[in-house]
Amino acid sequence: MSSTQREQVYQLRVKGHLDPRWSDGFDGLIITLEDNGDSLLTGPVADQAALYGLLKRLRDLGLPLLAVNRLTPDQESE
């Protein structure tokens, strides 16, 4: 896989807590529950179509989307 085809790592922030068991429903993204009541979903996303699919699932759950960030390689290791 070339560097242009490499999966990008994204972090999606939503308002409300998701049960970590939902990780499979979000293509294996890691769900982190924040003390402020937000949830972070972090992990590799294959392409833009997969990203839109994740956003659609969050919308269908009625969770307000607060942020979408593509992480740089430096941020991925933190």
Protein backbone atom coordinates (compact mmCIF):
# COMPACT_ATOMS: atom_id res chain seq x y z
CA MET A 1 0.00 0.00 0.00
CA SER A 2 1.50 3.34 -0.99
CA SER A 3 1.67 6.26 1.43
CA THR A 4 -1.17 7.97 -0.45
CA GLN A 5 -3.37 4.91 0.14
CA ARG A 6 -2.37 4.46 3.79
CA GLU A 7 -5.27 4.46 6.22
CA GLN A 8 -5.57 7.76 8.03
CA VAL A 9 -6.07 7.86 11.78
CA TYR A 10 -9.01 9.97 12.88
CA GLN A 11 -10.39 11.13 16.20
CA LEU A 12 -14.10 11.85 16.39
CA ARG A 13 -15.47 13.67 19.44
CA VAL A 14 -19.16 13.36 20.30
CA LYS A 15 -21.25 14.68 23.16
CA GLY A 16 -22.39 11.84 25.39
CA HIS A 17 -20.89 8.56 26.48
CA LEU A 18 -20.88 5.56 24.16
CA ASP A 19 -20.62 2.12 25.70
CA PRO A 20 -17.14 0.75 24.83
CA ARG A 21 -18.88 -2.43 23.60
CA TRP A 22 -20.00 -0.37 20.58
CA SER A 23 -16.42 -0.39 19.31
CA ASP A 24 -17.25 -3.21 16.86
CA GLY A 25 -20.10 -1.12 15.45
CA PHE A 26 -17.61 1.63 14.71
CA ASP A 27 -15.14 -0.47 12.74
CA GLY A 28 -13.01 -1.23 15.81
CA LEU A 29 -12.29 2.39 16.74
CA ILE A 30 -11.16 2.80 20.33
CA ILE A 31 -13.82 4.51 22.44
CA THR A 32 -12.52 6.69 25.26
CA LEU A 33 -14.96 8.20 27.75
CA GLU A 34 -13.96 11.69 28.84
CA ASP A 35 -14.69 13.10 32.31
CA ASN A 36 -16.64 15.96 30.73
CA GLY A 37 -19.22 13.57 29.26
CA ASP A 38 -17.77 13.41 25.75
CA SER A 39 -16.65 10.26 23.93
CA LEU A 40 -13.59 10.04 21.69
CA LEU A 41 -13.51 7.47 18.90
CA THR A 42 -9.96 7.00 17.65
CA GLY A 43 -8.44 4.75 15.03
CA PRO A 44 -7.63 4.11 11.40
CA VAL A 45 -10.23 4.84 8.75
CA ALA A 46 -9.79 3.19 5.34
CA ASP A 47 -11.02 6.06 3.17
CA GLN A 48 -13.46 8.95 2.91
CA ALA A 49 -16.41 6.62 2.27
CA ALA A 50 -15.64 4.80 5.53
CA LEU A 51 -15.37 8.13 7.37
CA TYR A 52 -18.78 9.22 6.07
CA GLY A 53 -20.19 5.86 7.15
CA LEU A 54 -18.93 6.44 10.70
CA LEU A 55 -20.41 9.94 10.73
CA LYS A 56 -23.74 8.55 9.53
CA ARG A 57 -23.79 6.01 12.38
CA LEU A 58 -23.17 8.75 14.92
CA ARG A 59 -25.94 10.85 13.39
CA ASP A 60 -28.33 7.90 13.46
CA LEU A 61 -27.61 7.48 17.19
CA GLY A 62 -28.50 11.13 17.75
CA LEU A 63 -25.10 11.97 19.23
CA PRO A 64 -24.01 15.56 18.60
CA LEU A 65 -20.71 15.62 16.68
CA LEU A 66 -18.28 18.05 18.30
CA ALA A 67 -15.10 17.53 16.25
CA VAL A 68 -13.43 15.44 13.57
CA ASN A 69 -9.63 15.49 13.47
CA ARG A 70 -7.17 13.61 11.29
CA LEU A 71 -4.18 12.79 13.45
CA THR A 72 -0.60 13.23 12.28
CA PRO A 73 1.88 10.38 12.85
CA ASP A 74 3.25 12.34 15.86
CA GLN A 75 -0.22 12.59 17.42
CA GLU A 76 -0.95 8.91 16.78
CA SER A 77 1.89 7.84 19.09
CA GLU A 78 0.73 10.03 21.99
